[in-house]
Amino acid sequence: MDQMKTISDLKVAVFADGAEKAGMLEMYAKPYIKGFTTNPTLMRKAGVSDYESFAREILQEIPDRPISFEVFADDFTDMARQARKIATWGKNIRVKIPITNTRRESAVRLCRQLTQEGIPLNVTALFTLEQVQAVVDAVKWGAPTYVSVFAGRIADTGLDPVPLMAEAVHRLAAAPNTELIWASPRELLNIFQADAIGCHVITVTNDILKKLALVGKDLGDYSLETVKMFYEDGKAAGFAL
C-alpha cells in the first residue's frame, strides 16, 4: 500500500467551512487552515441575526486569510449592490455569488461585471461542467475568482465526482485568475482525492477536520479499538443472553 500523505504534504489548500465564531477561531489557530467559507444557511444555523455585524466581527479576528461571504438577494441588481458592499469590509474577502438565482437565471453576466470591477469572487453552487465553462469564460483575466463545485452533493446523487472535478481543473487552466474549490465534502478521504487531481482548494466542516488525527493511523490498532468499543458498550448496557 502506498504511504498515506500527511496534512503537511498536501498541495490542496484546506479551508474551514462554517459560521460559528468559536469554531472558526479554533480552526484559525491551526496553520494548515488556509481560508474560510460561510453561507447564509450556515449563518442561520449558527444563530447569526445581524449579517454585517457578524462578518465585521469575524474579519477583525481573521484579517489575513481569505473569507467568503455570500450575497443573499435573488435579484441581480440587488446582488450587485450587496456584492459591492460586502467587498468593502476587508481586503481578504471573496464575495460569493450563486451560479443562478432561484428562477434558474444565470448569474454569469453579473460575475463578469463584478470581476471586471476588481471584486474578488467565489462563484458557488456549481454542479455541471457547462456551468464551470461559463464561469471560466466570463471571469477570465478579471479579479481572482474561486469556482466552487459541490462535489459532495454530486456524490449524493450516486455519481462519482472525481472525473468531473479533474476535468474542471483542466478547464480552469485557461483562466489563470481562477481556482477550483471542492465543496461539500462528505468524508476525510475527499481531501486526498482533491489533492490527487490537482484541485486548488477544498472546503471542510469542523466535524470532518476533527478526523485529521486519524490520518496514518495503524488499521490493525483501529480494528482493535473498534472491537473494544463494541465490547465495552455491550457490557455497559448490561446485555445478557
C-alpha atoms as a PDB file:
ATOM      1  CA  MET A   1       0.000   0.000   0.000  1.00  0.00           C
ATOM      2  CA  ASP A   2       1.250   3.498  -0.879  1.00  0.00           C
ATOM      3  CA  GLN A   3       2.283   5.693   2.007  1.00  0.00           C
ATOM      4  CA  MET A   4      -0.583   7.995   3.013  1.00  0.00           C
ATOM      5  CA  LYS A   5       0.234  11.684   2.776  1.00  0.00           C
ATOM      6  CA  THR A   6       0.117  13.782   5.906  1.00  0.00           C
ATOM      7  CA  ILE A   7      -1.742  17.088   6.014  1.00  0.00           C
ATOM      8  CA  SER A   8       1.582  18.936   5.620  1.00  0.00           C
ATOM      9  CA  ASP A   9       2.273  17.055   2.370  1.00  0.00           C
ATOM     10  CA  LEU A  10      -0.921  18.188   0.683  1.00  0.00           C
ATOM     11  CA  LYS A  11      -0.868  20.781  -2.080  1.00  0.00           C
ATOM     12  CA  VAL A  12      -4.626  21.395  -1.910  1.00  0.00           C
ATOM     13  CA  ALA A  13      -5.465  24.310   0.379  1.00  0.00           C
ATOM     14  CA  VAL A  14      -7.825  23.327   3.195  1.00  0.00           C
ATOM     15  CA  PHE A  15     -10.473  25.937   4.033  1.00  0.00           C
ATOM     16  CA  ALA A  16     -12.759  25.666   7.074  1.00  0.00           C
ATOM     17  CA  ASP A  17     -16.448  25.816   6.197  1.00  0.00           C
ATOM     18  CA  GLY A  18     -18.728  27.181   8.908  1.00  0.00           C
ATOM     19  CA  ALA A  19     -20.252  30.229  10.571  1.00  0.00           C
ATOM     20  CA  GLU A  20     -19.922  29.512  14.280  1.00  0.00           C
ATOM     21  CA  LYS A  21     -17.420  32.016  15.689  1.00  0.00           C
ATOM     22  CA  ALA A  22     -15.760  29.749  18.253  1.00  0.00           C
ATOM     23  CA  GLY A  23     -15.294  27.016  15.675  1.00  0.00           C
ATOM     24  CA  MET A  24     -13.860  29.437  13.137  1.00  0.00           C
ATOM     25  CA  LEU A  25     -11.361  30.774  15.646  1.00  0.00           C
ATOM     26  CA  GLU A  26     -10.434  27.238  16.674  1.00  0.00           C
ATOM     27  CA  MET A  27      -9.586  26.499  13.047  1.00  0.00           C
ATOM     28  CA  TYR A  28      -7.807  29.848  12.623  1.00  0.00           C
ATOM     29  CA  ALA A  29      -5.340  28.720  15.279  1.00  0.00           C
ATOM     30  CA  LYS A  30      -4.307  25.832  13.020  1.00  0.00           C
ATOM     31  CA  PRO A  31      -1.715  26.855  10.417  1.00  0.00           C
ATOM     32  CA  TYR A  32      -2.891  24.256   7.898  1.00  0.00           C
ATOM     33  CA  ILE A  33      -6.248  26.048   7.580  1.00  0.00           C
ATOM     34  CA  LYS A  34      -5.616  28.468   4.727  1.00  0.00           C
ATOM     35  CA  GLY A  35      -9.004  30.187   4.496  1.00  0.00           C
ATOM     36  CA  PHE A  36     -12.686  30.195   5.421  1.00  0.00           C
ATOM     37  CA  THR A  37     -16.070  29.972   3.717  1.00  0.00           C
ATOM     38  CA  THR A  38     -19.552  30.744   5.002  1.00  0.00           C
ATOM     39  CA  ASN A  39     -23.029  30.898   3.526  1.00  0.00           C
ATOM     40  CA  PRO A  40     -26.467  32.130   4.665  1.00  0.00           C
ATOM     41  CA  THR A  41     -27.589  28.610   5.607  1.00  0.00           C
ATOM     42  CA  LEU A  42     -24.598  28.053   7.895  1.00  0.00           C
ATOM     43  CA  MET A  43     -25.018  31.508   9.405  1.00  0.00           C
ATOM     44  CA  ARG A  44     -28.690  30.892  10.135  1.00  0.00           C
ATOM     45  CA  LYS A  45     -27.857  27.545  11.780  1.00  0.00           C
ATOM     46  CA  ALA A  46     -25.236  29.309  13.910  1.00  0.00           C
ATOM     47  CA  GLY A  47     -27.858  31.800  15.116  1.00  0.00           C
ATOM     48  CA  VAL A  48     -26.459  34.827  13.313  1.00  0.00           C
ATOM     49  CA  SER A  49     -29.084  37.588  13.240  1.00  0.00           C
ATOM     50  CA  ASP A  50     -27.064  40.606  12.064  1.00  0.00           C
ATOM     51  CA  TYR A  51     -25.164  39.654   8.918  1.00  0.00           C
ATOM     52  CA  GLU A  52     -22.864  42.655   8.667  1.00  0.00           C
ATOM     53  CA  SER A  53     -22.027  42.830  12.380  1.00  0.00           C
ATOM     54  CA  PHE A  54     -21.109  39.146  12.416  1.00  0.00           C
ATOM     55  CA  ALA A  55     -18.964  39.484   9.303  1.00  0.00           C
ATOM     56  CA  ARG A  56     -17.098  42.523  10.586  1.00  0.00           C
ATOM     57  CA  GLU A  57     -16.505  40.843  13.946  1.00  0.00           C
ATOM     58  CA  ILE A  58     -15.038  37.780  12.239  1.00  0.00           C
ATOM     59  CA  LEU A  59     -12.877  39.913   9.960  1.00  0.00           C
ATOM     60  CA  GLN A  60     -11.354  41.657  12.981  1.00  0.00           C
ATOM     61  CA  GLU A  61     -10.355  38.240  14.352  1.00  0.00           C
ATOM     62  CA  ILE A  62      -9.283  36.772  10.997  1.00  0.00           C
ATOM     63  CA  PRO A  63      -7.729  39.579   8.948  1.00  0.00           C
ATOM     64  CA  ASP A  64      -5.131  37.656   6.972  1.00  0.00           C
ATOM     65  CA  ARG A  65      -6.757  34.615   5.353  1.00  0.00           C
ATOM     66  CA  PRO A  66      -9.409  34.631   2.623  1.00  0.00           C
ATOM     67  CA  ILE A  67     -13.012  34.537   3.855  1.00  0.00           C
ATOM     68  CA  SER A  68     -16.043  34.155   1.610  1.00  0.00           C
ATOM     69  CA  PHE A  69     -19.308  35.905   2.481  1.00  0.00           C
ATOM     70  CA  GLU A  70     -22.317  35.327   0.235  1.00  0.00           C
ATOM     71  CA  VAL A  71     -24.919  37.681  -1.141  1.00  0.00           C
ATOM     72  CA  PHE A  72     -28.463  36.674  -0.219  1.00  0.00           C
ATOM     73  CA  ALA A  73     -30.537  38.686  -2.695  1.00  0.00           C
ATOM     74  CA  ASP A  74     -32.345  36.966  -5.574  1.00  0.00           C
ATOM     75  CA  ASP A  75     -32.492  39.918  -7.961  1.00  0.00           C
ATOM     76  CA  PHE A  76     -29.268  40.563  -9.855  1.00  0.00           C
ATOM     77  CA  THR A  77     -29.377  44.315  -9.328  1.00  0.00           C
ATOM     78  CA  ASP A  78     -29.634  43.803  -5.580  1.00  0.00           C
ATOM     79  CA  MET A  79     -26.988  41.052  -5.713  1.00  0.00           C
ATOM     80  CA  ALA A  80     -24.623  43.544  -7.328  1.00  0.00           C
ATOM     81  CA  ARG A  81     -25.364  46.137  -4.641  1.00  0.00           C
ATOM     82  CA  GLN A  82     -24.762  43.616  -1.855  1.00  0.00           C
ATOM     83  CA  ALA A  83     -21.585  42.332  -3.506  1.00  0.00           C
ATOM     84  CA  ARG A  84     -20.084  45.803  -3.751  1.00  0.00           C
ATOM     85  CA  LYS A  85     -20.933  46.494  -0.117  1.00  0.00           C
ATOM     86  CA  ILE A  86     -19.532  43.202   1.176  1.00  0.00           C
ATOM     87  CA  ALA A  87     -16.315  43.754  -0.791  1.00  0.00           C
ATOM     88  CA  THR A  88     -15.596  46.929   1.212  1.00  0.00           C
ATOM     89  CA  TRP A  89     -15.458  45.107   4.549  1.00  0.00           C
ATOM     90  CA  GLY A  90     -11.942  43.729   4.178  1.00  0.00           C
ATOM     91  CA  LYS A  91      -9.082  43.037   1.788  1.00  0.00           C
ATOM     92  CA  ASN A  92      -9.301  39.301   2.445  1.00  0.00           C
ATOM     93  CA  ILE A  93     -12.953  38.974   1.357  1.00  0.00           C
ATOM     94  CA  ARG A  94     -14.231  36.886  -1.515  1.00  0.00           C
ATOM     95  CA  VAL A  95     -17.827  37.686  -2.396  1.00  0.00           C
ATOM     96  CA  LYS A  96     -19.878  34.559  -3.008  1.00  0.00           C
ATOM     97  CA  ILE A  97     -22.281  34.719  -5.936  1.00  0.00           C
ATOM     98  CA  PRO A  98     -24.596  31.747  -6.638  1.00  0.00           C
ATOM     99  CA  ILE A  99     -24.394  30.458 -10.216  1.00  0.00           C
ATOM    100  CA  THR A 100     -28.120  31.171 -10.704  1.00  0.00           C
ATOM    101  CA  ASN A 101     -30.929  32.851  -8.838  1.00  0.00           C
ATOM    102  CA  THR A 102     -33.981  30.911  -7.654  1.00  0.00           C
ATOM    103  CA  ARG A 103     -35.585  31.342 -11.078  1.00  0.00           C
ATOM    104  CA  ARG A 104     -32.686  29.456 -12.675  1.00  0.00           C
ATOM    105  CA  GLU A 105     -31.469  32.634 -14.389  1.00  0.00           C
ATOM    106  CA  SER A 106     -27.704  32.568 -14.863  1.00  0.00           C
ATOM    107  CA  ALA A 107     -25.535  34.890 -12.776  1.00  0.00           C
ATOM    108  CA  VAL A 108     -22.641  34.632 -15.230  1.00  0.00           C
ATOM    109  CA  ARG A 109     -23.153  38.143 -16.616  1.00  0.00           C
ATOM    110  CA  LEU A 110     -23.107  39.567 -13.082  1.00  0.00           C
ATOM    111  CA  CYS A 111     -19.930  37.622 -12.302  1.00  0.00           C
ATOM    112  CA  ARG A 112     -18.261  39.071 -15.381  1.00  0.00           C
ATOM    113  CA  GLN A 113     -19.294  42.582 -14.384  1.00  0.00           C
ATOM    114  CA  LEU A 114     -18.109  42.279 -10.783  1.00  0.00           C
ATOM    115  CA  THR A 115     -14.796  40.641 -11.616  1.00  0.00           C
ATOM    116  CA  GLN A 116     -14.083  43.351 -14.193  1.00  0.00           C
ATOM    117  CA  GLU A 117     -14.716  45.894 -11.422  1.00  0.00           C
ATOM    118  CA  GLY A 118     -11.927  44.210  -9.459  1.00  0.00           C
ATOM    119  CA  ILE A 119     -14.113  42.416  -6.892  1.00  0.00           C
ATOM    120  CA  PRO A 120     -12.674  39.011  -5.935  1.00  0.00           C
ATOM    121  CA  LEU A 121     -15.386  36.375  -6.196  1.00  0.00           C
ATOM    122  CA  ASN A 122     -16.373  32.898  -5.100  1.00  0.00           C
ATOM    123  CA  VAL A 123     -18.892  31.644  -7.647  1.00  0.00           C
ATOM    124  CA  THR A 124     -20.811  28.967  -5.783  1.00  0.00           C
ATOM    125  CA  ALA A 125     -23.289  26.086  -6.140  1.00  0.00           C
ATOM    126  CA  LEU A 126     -21.911  24.780  -9.441  1.00  0.00           C
ATOM    127  CA  PHE A 127     -22.764  21.173 -10.336  1.00  0.00           C
ATOM    128  CA  THR A 128     -22.016  20.807 -14.064  1.00  0.00           C
ATOM    129  CA  LEU A 129     -19.089  21.280 -16.402  1.00  0.00           C
ATOM    130  CA  GLU A 130     -21.253  23.567 -18.530  1.00  0.00           C
ATOM    131  CA  GLN A 131     -21.550  25.886 -15.541  1.00  0.00           C
ATOM    132  CA  VAL A 132     -17.791  25.667 -14.923  1.00  0.00           C
ATOM    133  CA  GLN A 133     -17.014  26.572 -18.530  1.00  0.00           C
ATOM    134  CA  ALA A 134     -19.437  29.500 -18.488  1.00  0.00           C
ATOM    135  CA  VAL A 135     -17.789  30.949 -15.385  1.00  0.00           C
ATOM    136  CA  VAL A 136     -14.270  30.435 -16.749  1.00  0.00           C
ATOM    137  CA  ASP A 137     -15.206  32.256 -19.961  1.00  0.00           C
ATOM    138  CA  ALA A 138     -16.863  35.088 -18.033  1.00  0.00           C
ATOM    139  CA  VAL A 139     -14.219  35.855 -15.428  1.00  0.00           C
ATOM    140  CA  LYS A 140     -11.039  35.143 -17.375  1.00  0.00           C
ATOM    141  CA  TRP A 141      -8.454  37.902 -16.808  1.00  0.00           C
ATOM    142  CA  GLY A 142     -10.625  39.572 -14.158  1.00  0.00           C
ATOM    143  CA  ALA A 143     -10.221  39.679 -10.389  1.00  0.00           C
ATOM    144  CA  PRO A 144      -9.247  36.463  -8.552  1.00  0.00           C
ATOM    145  CA  THR A 145     -12.163  34.029  -8.588  1.00  0.00           C
ATOM    146  CA  TYR A 146     -12.907  30.765  -6.826  1.00  0.00           C
ATOM    147  CA  VAL A 147     -15.083  28.347  -8.796  1.00  0.00           C
ATOM    148  CA  SER A 148     -16.917  26.260  -6.210  1.00  0.00           C
ATOM    149  CA  VAL A 149     -18.201  22.885  -7.429  1.00  0.00           C
ATOM    150  CA  PHE A 150     -20.309  20.917  -4.962  1.00  0.00           C
ATOM    151  CA  ALA A 151     -18.587  17.566  -5.378  1.00  0.00           C
ATOM    152  CA  GLY A 152     -20.154  16.130  -2.217  1.00  0.00           C
ATOM    153  CA  ARG A 153     -23.677  16.816  -3.382  1.00  0.00           C
ATOM    154  CA  ILE A 154     -22.844  15.381  -6.785  1.00  0.00           C
ATOM    155  CA  ALA A 155     -21.731  12.215  -4.990  1.00  0.00           C
ATOM    156  CA  ASP A 156     -25.020  12.204  -3.088  1.00  0.00           C
ATOM    157  CA  THR A 157     -26.790  11.597  -6.413  1.00  0.00           C
ATOM    158  CA  GLY A 158     -24.807   8.391  -6.987  1.00  0.00           C
ATOM    159  CA  LEU A 159     -22.313   9.934  -9.421  1.00  0.00           C
ATOM    160  CA  ASP A 160     -18.555   9.787  -8.905  1.00  0.00           C
ATOM    161  CA  PRO A 161     -17.465  13.440  -8.760  1.00  0.00           C
ATOM    162  CA  VAL A 162     -13.745  12.775  -9.281  1.00  0.00           C
ATOM    163  CA  PRO A 163     -13.763  12.686 -13.118  1.00  0.00           C
ATOM    164  CA  LEU A 164     -15.869  15.844 -13.249  1.00  0.00           C
ATOM    165  CA  MET A 165     -13.590  17.629 -10.802  1.00  0.00           C
ATOM    166  CA  ALA A 166     -10.477  16.536 -12.697  1.00  0.00           C
ATOM    167  CA  GLU A 167     -11.942  17.930 -15.921  1.00  0.00           C
ATOM    168  CA  ALA A 168     -12.838  21.144 -14.075  1.00  0.00           C
ATOM    169  CA  VAL A 169      -9.187  21.524 -13.012  1.00  0.00           C
ATOM    170  CA  HIS A 170      -8.226  21.203 -16.683  1.00  0.00           C
ATOM    171  CA  ARG A 171     -10.736  23.824 -17.792  1.00  0.00           C
ATOM    172  CA  LEU A 172      -9.704  26.341 -15.139  1.00  0.00           C
ATOM    173  CA  ALA A 173      -6.169  26.264 -16.528  1.00  0.00           C
ATOM    174  CA  ALA A 174      -7.433  28.587 -19.270  1.00  0.00           C
ATOM    175  CA  ALA A 175      -8.150  31.275 -16.660  1.00  0.00           C
ATOM    176  CA  PRO A 176      -5.045  31.893 -14.507  1.00  0.00           C
ATOM    177  CA  ASN A 177      -7.055  34.058 -12.102  1.00  0.00           C
ATOM    178  CA  THR A 178      -9.310  31.145 -11.090  1.00  0.00           C
ATOM    179  CA  GLU A 179      -9.006  28.364  -8.524  1.00  0.00           C
ATOM    180  CA  LEU A 180     -11.251  25.324  -8.168  1.00  0.00           C
ATOM    181  CA  ILE A 181     -12.961  24.608  -4.854  1.00  0.00           C
ATOM    182  CA  TRP A 182     -14.059  21.054  -3.993  1.00  0.00           C
ATOM    183  CA  ALA A 183     -17.134  21.980  -1.963  1.00  0.00           C
ATOM    184  CA  SER A 184     -19.348  19.962   0.387  1.00  0.00           C
ATOM    185  CA  PRO A 185     -17.002  17.025   1.061  1.00  0.00           C
ATOM    186  CA  ARG A 186     -18.583  14.094   2.818  1.00  0.00           C
ATOM    187  CA  GLU A 187     -15.533  12.384   4.329  1.00  0.00           C
ATOM    188  CA  LEU A 188     -11.881  12.968   5.075  1.00  0.00           C
ATOM    189  CA  LEU A 189     -10.855  10.899   2.047  1.00  0.00           C
ATOM    190  CA  ASN A 190     -12.204  13.686  -0.172  1.00  0.00           C
ATOM    191  CA  ILE A 191      -9.306  15.909   0.903  1.00  0.00           C
ATOM    192  CA  PHE A 192      -6.838  13.386  -0.506  1.00  0.00           C
ATOM    193  CA  GLN A 193      -8.931  12.865  -3.652  1.00  0.00           C
ATOM    194  CA  ALA A 194      -8.982  16.616  -4.239  1.00  0.00           C
ATOM    195  CA  ASP A 195      -5.224  16.779  -3.766  1.00  0.00           C
ATOM    196  CA  ALA A 196      -4.615  13.885  -6.167  1.00  0.00           C
ATOM    197  CA  ILE A 197      -6.377  15.601  -9.086  1.00  0.00           C
ATOM    198  CA  GLY A 198      -4.725  18.971  -8.514  1.00  0.00           C
ATOM    199  CA  CYS A 199      -7.770  20.750  -7.091  1.00  0.00           C
ATOM    200  CA  HIS A 200      -6.710  24.056  -5.600  1.00  0.00           C
ATOM    201  CA  VAL A 201      -8.979  24.326  -2.535  1.00  0.00           C
ATOM    202  CA  ILE A 202     -11.302  22.108  -0.512  1.00  0.00           C
ATOM    203  CA  THR A 203     -13.796  23.496   1.999  1.00  0.00           C
ATOM    204  CA  VAL A 204     -14.227  21.259   5.033  1.00  0.00           C
ATOM    205  CA  THR A 205     -16.554  21.415   8.032  1.00  0.00           C
ATOM    206  CA  ASN A 206     -15.160  21.153  11.556  1.00  0.00           C
ATOM    207  CA  ASP A 207     -16.602  17.686  12.158  1.00  0.00           C
ATOM    208  CA  ILE A 208     -14.587  16.301   9.233  1.00  0.00           C
ATOM    209  CA  LEU A 209     -11.486  18.325  10.131  1.00  0.00           C
ATOM    210  CA  LYS A 210     -11.505  16.725  13.579  1.00  0.00           C
ATOM    211  CA  LYS A 211     -10.839  13.380  11.880  1.00  0.00           C
ATOM    212  CA  LEU A 212      -7.424  14.571  10.700  1.00  0.00           C
ATOM    213  CA  ALA A 213      -5.926  12.955  13.796  1.00  0.00           C
ATOM    214  CA  LEU A 214      -6.779   9.595  12.206  1.00  0.00           C
ATOM    215  CA  VAL A 215      -4.620  10.149   9.135  1.00  0.00           C
ATOM    216  CA  GLY A 216      -1.926   7.462   9.021  1.00  0.00           C
ATOM    217  CA  LYS A 217      -3.403   5.522  11.923  1.00  0.00           C
ATOM    218  CA  ASP A 218      -2.469   1.824  12.015  1.00  0.00           C
ATOM    219  CA  LEU A 219      -5.524  -0.069  10.739  1.00  0.00           C
ATOM    220  CA  GLY A 220      -4.828  -3.068  12.979  1.00  0.00           C
ATOM    221  CA  ASP A 221      -4.872  -0.825  16.028  1.00  0.00           C
ATOM    222  CA  TYR A 222      -8.037   0.874  14.750  1.00  0.00           C
ATOM    223  CA  SER A 223      -9.677  -2.528  14.355  1.00  0.00           C
ATOM    224  CA  LEU A 224      -8.842  -3.476  17.925  1.00  0.00           C
ATOM    225  CA  GLU A 225     -10.142  -0.156  19.269  1.00  0.00           C
ATOM    226  CA  THR A 226     -13.417  -0.759  17.436  1.00  0.00           C
ATOM    227  CA  VAL A 227     -13.756  -4.253  18.883  1.00  0.00           C
ATOM    228  CA  LYS A 228     -13.092  -2.890  22.372  1.00  0.00           C
ATOM    229  CA  MET A 229     -15.736  -0.209  21.863  1.00  0.00           C
ATOM    230  CA  PHE A 230     -18.368  -2.795  20.964  1.00  0.00           C
ATOM    231  CA  TYR A 231     -17.381  -4.943  23.954  1.00  0.00           C
ATOM    232  CA  GLU A 232     -17.412  -2.089  26.470  1.00  0.00           C
ATOM    233  CA  ASP A 233     -20.741  -0.772  25.227  1.00  0.00           C
ATOM    234  CA  GLY A 234     -22.319  -4.215  25.388  1.00  0.00           C
ATOM    235  CA  LYS A 235     -21.039  -4.675  28.936  1.00  0.00           C
ATOM    236  CA  ALA A 236     -22.147  -1.174  29.984  1.00  0.00           C
ATOM    237  CA  ALA A 237     -25.639  -1.836  28.620  1.00  0.00           C
ATOM    238  CA  GLY A 238     -25.916  -4.982  30.763  1.00  0.00           C
ATOM    239  CA  PHE A 239     -26.864  -7.171  27.820  1.00  0.00           C
ATOM    240  CA  ALA A 240     -27.386 -10.881  28.605  1.00  0.00           C
ATOM    241  CA  LEU A 241     -28.374 -13.925  26.549  1.00  0.00           C
END
